[in-house]
N, C-alpha and C. Protein backbone atom coordinates (compact mmCIF):
# COMPACT_ATOMS: atom_id res chain seq x y z
N MET A 1 0.58 -0.86 -0.26
CA MET A 1 0.05 0.25 0.77
C MET A 1 1.60 1.38 -0.28
N LEU A 2 1.44 2.59 -0.85
CA LEU A 2 1.03 3.19 -0.61
C LEU A 2 1.01 4.27 0.14
N SER A 3 1.75 4.79 0.57
CA SER A 3 2.16 5.82 1.58
C SER A 3 1.41 7.45 1.00
N GLN A 4 0.98 8.33 2.11
CA GLN A 4 0.15 9.80 1.38
C GLN A 4 1.77 10.21 0.37
N TYR A 5 3.04 9.58 1.19
CA TYR A 5 3.90 10.88 0.59
C TYR A 5 4.40 10.58 -0.10
N ASP A 6 4.44 8.96 -0.94
CA ASP A 6 4.87 8.60 -2.32
C ASP A 6 2.84 7.79 -2.72
N ALA A 7 2.22 8.35 -3.01
CA ALA A 7 0.70 8.96 -3.64
C ALA A 7 0.60 10.83 -4.48
N SER A 8 1.70 11.26 -2.78
CA SER A 8 1.36 12.84 -3.91
C SER A 8 3.04 12.42 -4.62
N LEU A 9 3.57 11.76 -4.49
CA LEU A 9 5.02 12.50 -5.44
C LEU A 9 4.85 11.46 -7.18
N GLY A 10 3.86 11.44 -6.71
CA GLY A 10 2.83 10.48 -8.27
C GLY A 10 2.03 11.12 -8.91
N GLU A 11 1.53 11.46 -8.07
CA GLU A 11 0.36 12.94 -8.20
C GLU A 11 1.54 14.19 -8.92
N GLY A 12 2.61 14.81 -7.91
CA GLY A 12 3.25 14.82 -8.91
C GLY A 12 3.90 14.88 -10.21
N PHE A 13 4.42 13.91 -10.41
CA PHE A 13 4.89 13.20 -11.51
C PHE A 13 3.38 13.65 -12.27
N MET A 14 2.70 12.81 -12.55
CA MET A 14 2.00 12.53 -13.69
C MET A 14 1.50 14.20 -13.89
N ARG A 15 1.44 15.21 -13.07
CA ARG A 15 0.28 16.05 -12.91
C ARG A 15 1.73 17.36 -14.53
N ARG A 16 3.31 16.83 -13.53
CA ARG A 16 4.35 17.14 -14.54
C ARG A 16 3.70 16.82 -16.48
N ALA A 17 3.85 15.49 -15.67
CA ALA A 17 4.51 14.76 -17.49
C ALA A 17 2.82 15.01 -18.48
N ALA A 18 1.90 15.68 -17.52
CA ALA A 18 0.66 15.69 -18.73
C ALA A 18 1.46 17.42 -19.37
N LYS A 19 1.46 17.78 -17.74
CA LYS A 19 2.55 19.16 -18.75
C LYS A 19 3.26 19.15 -19.47
N LEU A 20 4.32 18.44 -19.60
CA LEU A 20 5.32 17.99 -20.30
C LEU A 20 5.09 17.74 -22.04
N LEU A 21 3.32 16.54 -21.87
CA LEU A 21 2.86 15.92 -23.43
C LEU A 21 2.56 16.91 -23.83
N SER A 22 1.16 17.83 -22.66
CA SER A 22 0.46 18.54 -24.24
C SER A 22 1.42 20.21 -24.03
N THR A 23 2.28 20.88 -23.72
CA THR A 23 3.08 21.31 -24.35
C THR A 23 3.75 21.07 -25.81
N GLY A 24 4.27 19.59 -25.14
CA GLY A 24 5.24 19.28 -26.47
C GLY A 24 4.43 18.93 -27.81
N ALA A 25 2.30 18.38 -27.73
CA ALA A 25 2.11 17.45 -28.63
C ALA A 25 1.32 19.53 -29.81
N LEU A 26 1.16 20.32 -28.06
CA LEU A 26 1.04 21.84 -29.03
C LEU A 26 1.66 21.96 -29.66
N ALA A 27 3.69 22.37 -29.34
CA ALA A 27 4.71 22.58 -30.01
C ALA A 27 4.48 22.34 -31.90
N VAL A 28 4.60 20.48 -31.98
CA VAL A 28 4.00 20.06 -32.63
C VAL A 28 3.36 20.19 -33.39
N GLY A 29 1.88 20.77 -33.18
CA GLY A 29 0.66 21.52 -34.45
C GLY A 29 1.52 22.59 -34.53
N LEU A 30 1.84 22.67 -34.03
CA LEU A 30 1.87 24.54 -34.64
C LEU A 30 3.62 24.69 -34.91
N THR A 31 4.06 23.43 -35.54
CA THR A 31 5.43 23.92 -35.97
C THR A 31 4.85 22.60 -37.47
N LEU A 32 4.33 22.06 -37.24
CA LEU A 32 3.70 20.97 -38.66
C LEU A 32 2.32 21.86 -38.70
N GLY A 33 1.64 22.12 -38.30
CA GLY A 33 0.06 21.87 -38.24
C GLY A 33 -0.37 23.06 -39.03
N LEU A 34 0.40 24.07 -39.32
CA LEU A 34 -0.16 25.34 -40.25
C LEU A 34 0.64 25.68 -41.33
N PRO A 35 0.09 26.77 -41.62
CA PRO A 35 1.39 27.23 -43.09
C PRO A 35 2.04 28.07 -43.16
N ALA A 36 3.20 28.15 -43.57
CA ALA A 36 4.18 28.90 -43.47
C ALA A 36 3.25 30.25 -43.90
N VAL A 37 3.04 31.96 -43.31
CA VAL A 37 3.12 33.06 -43.47
C VAL A 37 4.05 33.73 -44.34
N ALA A 38 3.26 34.13 -45.47
CA ALA A 38 4.31 35.57 -46.58
C ALA A 38 5.20 36.64 -45.69
N HIS A 39 6.44 36.73 -45.97
CA HIS A 39 6.13 37.10 -45.03
C HIS A 39 6.99 38.45 -46.42
N ALA A 40 5.91 40.06 -45.83
CA ALA A 40 6.50 41.22 -46.85
C ALA A 40 7.74 41.89 -47.08
N GLY A 41 7.78 42.95 -47.33
CA GLY A 41 9.21 43.20 -47.34
C GLY A 41 9.21 44.08 -46.09
N PRO A 42 10.33 44.33 -45.30
CA PRO A 42 10.89 45.58 -44.12
C PRO A 42 9.83 46.50 -44.20
N TYR A 43 9.83 46.55 -42.51
CA TYR A 43 9.29 48.10 -42.76
C TYR A 43 10.40 49.29 -42.84
N GLU A 44 10.31 50.15 -43.23
CA GLU A 44 10.10 51.31 -43.69
C GLU A 44 10.35 52.31 -42.91
N PHE A 45 11.21 53.83 -42.40
CA PHE A 45 10.54 54.69 -41.55
C PHE A 45 10.19 55.70 -42.29
N ALA A 46 8.68 56.26 -41.78
CA ALA A 46 7.65 57.17 -42.40
C ALA A 46 8.27 58.41 -41.44
N GLY A 47 8.84 58.58 -41.11
CA GLY A 47 8.11 60.05 -40.09
C GLY A 47 8.14 59.22 -38.53
N SER A 48 8.70 60.97 -37.46
CA SER A 48 8.05 60.86 -36.73
C SER A 48 7.76 62.03 -35.67
N TYR A 49 6.58 61.51 -34.91
CA TYR A 49 5.16 62.46 -33.85
C TYR A 49 5.68 62.33 -31.88
N PRO A 50 5.42 63.36 -32.12
CA PRO A 50 5.33 63.66 -30.58
C PRO A 50 4.43 62.64 -29.92
N SER A 51 3.93 61.98 -30.18
CA SER A 51 2.15 61.37 -28.60
C SER A 51 2.01 59.73 -30.16
N GLN A 52 1.99 58.89 -29.12
CA GLN A 52 1.82 57.95 -30.20
C GLN A 52 -0.12 57.98 -31.01
N THR A 53 -0.74 58.92 -30.45
CA THR A 53 -2.37 58.78 -31.13
C THR A 53 -1.53 59.36 -32.19
N GLU A 54 -0.79 60.14 -32.95
CA GLU A 54 -0.57 61.15 -33.65
C GLU A 54 0.17 60.15 -34.73
N CYS A 55 1.64 58.97 -33.75
CA CYS A 55 1.85 58.08 -34.69
C CYS A 55 0.71 57.73 -35.19
N VAL A 56 -0.14 56.52 -34.88
CA VAL A 56 -0.91 55.88 -34.40
C VAL A 56 -2.29 56.61 -35.44
N THR A 57 -2.74 57.40 -35.53
CA THR A 57 -3.65 57.89 -37.09
C THR A 57 -3.11 57.97 -37.96
N ALA A 58 -2.03 58.38 -38.02
CA ALA A 58 -0.49 58.68 -39.61
C ALA A 58 -0.93 57.40 -39.96
N GLY A 59 -0.57 56.23 -39.66
CA GLY A 59 -0.25 54.82 -39.77
C GLY A 59 -1.73 55.01 -40.61
N ASP A 60 -3.11 54.64 -38.77
CA ASP A 60 -3.89 54.27 -40.42
C ASP A 60 -3.91 54.69 -41.27
N GLN A 61 -4.34 56.09 -41.10
CA GLN A 61 -4.88 57.21 -42.47
C GLN A 61 -3.53 57.13 -43.87
N GLY A 62 -2.47 56.18 -43.64
CA GLY A 62 -2.06 54.94 -44.59
C GLY A 62 -2.58 53.70 -45.84
N VAL A 63 -3.32 53.33 -44.06
CA VAL A 63 -3.65 52.28 -44.28
C VAL A 63 -4.72 52.26 -45.64
N ILE A 64 -5.96 52.78 -44.72
CA ILE A 64 -6.38 53.99 -44.99
C ILE A 64 -6.35 54.05 -46.04
N ASP A 65 -5.44 54.93 -46.99
CA ASP A 65 -5.20 55.15 -48.30
C ASP A 65 -5.10 54.88 -49.59
N GLN A 66 -5.08 53.21 -48.64
CA GLN A 66 -3.43 52.26 -49.41
C GLN A 66 -2.07 53.29 -49.97
N SER A 67 -1.71 53.38 -49.04
CA SER A 67 0.41 54.06 -49.18
C SER A 67 0.69 52.80 -48.74
N TRP A 68 1.05 52.44 -48.18
CA TRP A 68 0.65 50.72 -47.46
C TRP A 68 0.26 49.91 -46.48
N THR A 69 0.44 49.32 -46.49
CA THR A 69 -0.10 48.02 -45.84
C THR A 69 -0.66 47.43 -44.61
N ASP A 70 1.17 47.92 -43.53
CA ASP A 70 1.53 47.95 -42.54
C ASP A 70 2.12 48.86 -41.70
N TYR A 71 1.85 49.08 -40.59
CA TYR A 71 2.94 50.18 -39.99
C TYR A 71 3.31 49.86 -38.55
N ARG A 72 4.04 50.72 -37.67
CA ARG A 72 4.06 49.71 -36.10
C ARG A 72 4.76 51.26 -35.75
N CYS A 73 4.41 51.49 -34.72
CA CYS A 73 4.39 52.50 -33.57
C CYS A 73 5.83 52.48 -32.93
N THR A 74 7.16 52.90 -33.12
CA THR A 74 7.69 53.03 -31.75
C THR A 74 8.76 53.32 -30.99
N LEU A 75 8.20 54.30 -29.76
CA LEU A 75 9.25 54.83 -29.21
C LEU A 75 10.11 54.55 -28.61
N PHE A 76 10.83 55.52 -29.31
CA PHE A 76 12.69 55.63 -29.49
C PHE A 76 12.99 57.23 -28.88
N GLU A 77 13.31 57.63 -27.84
CA GLU A 77 14.49 59.20 -27.03
C GLU A 77 13.11 60.16 -27.84
N GLY A 78 11.76 60.03 -27.06
CA GLY A 78 10.80 60.19 -26.24
C GLY A 78 10.23 60.86 -27.40
N VAL A 79 9.88 59.95 -28.70
CA VAL A 79 9.55 60.66 -29.97
C VAL A 79 8.61 58.81 -31.20
N TRP A 80 7.36 59.50 -31.45
CA TRP A 80 6.83 58.47 -31.93
C TRP A 80 7.77 58.20 -32.94
N ASP A 81 8.00 57.11 -33.15
CA ASP A 81 8.35 56.65 -35.37
C ASP A 81 7.65 56.65 -35.97
N LEU A 82 7.23 56.28 -37.13
CA LEU A 82 5.86 55.22 -37.59
C LEU A 82 6.83 55.08 -38.63
N TYR A 83 7.08 53.23 -38.64
CA TYR A 83 7.95 52.41 -40.21
C TYR A 83 6.45 51.77 -40.31
N VAL A 84 7.10 51.74 -41.83
CA VAL A 84 5.38 51.33 -42.22
C VAL A 84 6.15 50.15 -44.04
N ARG A 85 5.57 49.52 -43.98
CA ARG A 85 5.75 48.80 -44.64
C ARG A 85 4.50 48.83 -46.21
N ILE A 86 4.97 48.71 -47.06
CA ILE A 86 4.84 49.14 -48.00
C ILE A 86 4.32 47.62 -48.95
């Protein structure tokens, strides 16, 4: 008969094993099961803005008028830099 100590060791092992197996299955599924996403060209610098709101507004406007397909606003040295993907 198992003592409480032996039983708790078994439960801990089972939890770790289940976690490891589920994580491994997820990794395999993500690696093999999803199609690769084609990457467009790199982002190009398009301007600096004093606030994130202004940068996002400019980025959104460029997407709306089809000047670029995607954008990123990045805080750098106190200003928001807009990078666009054409």
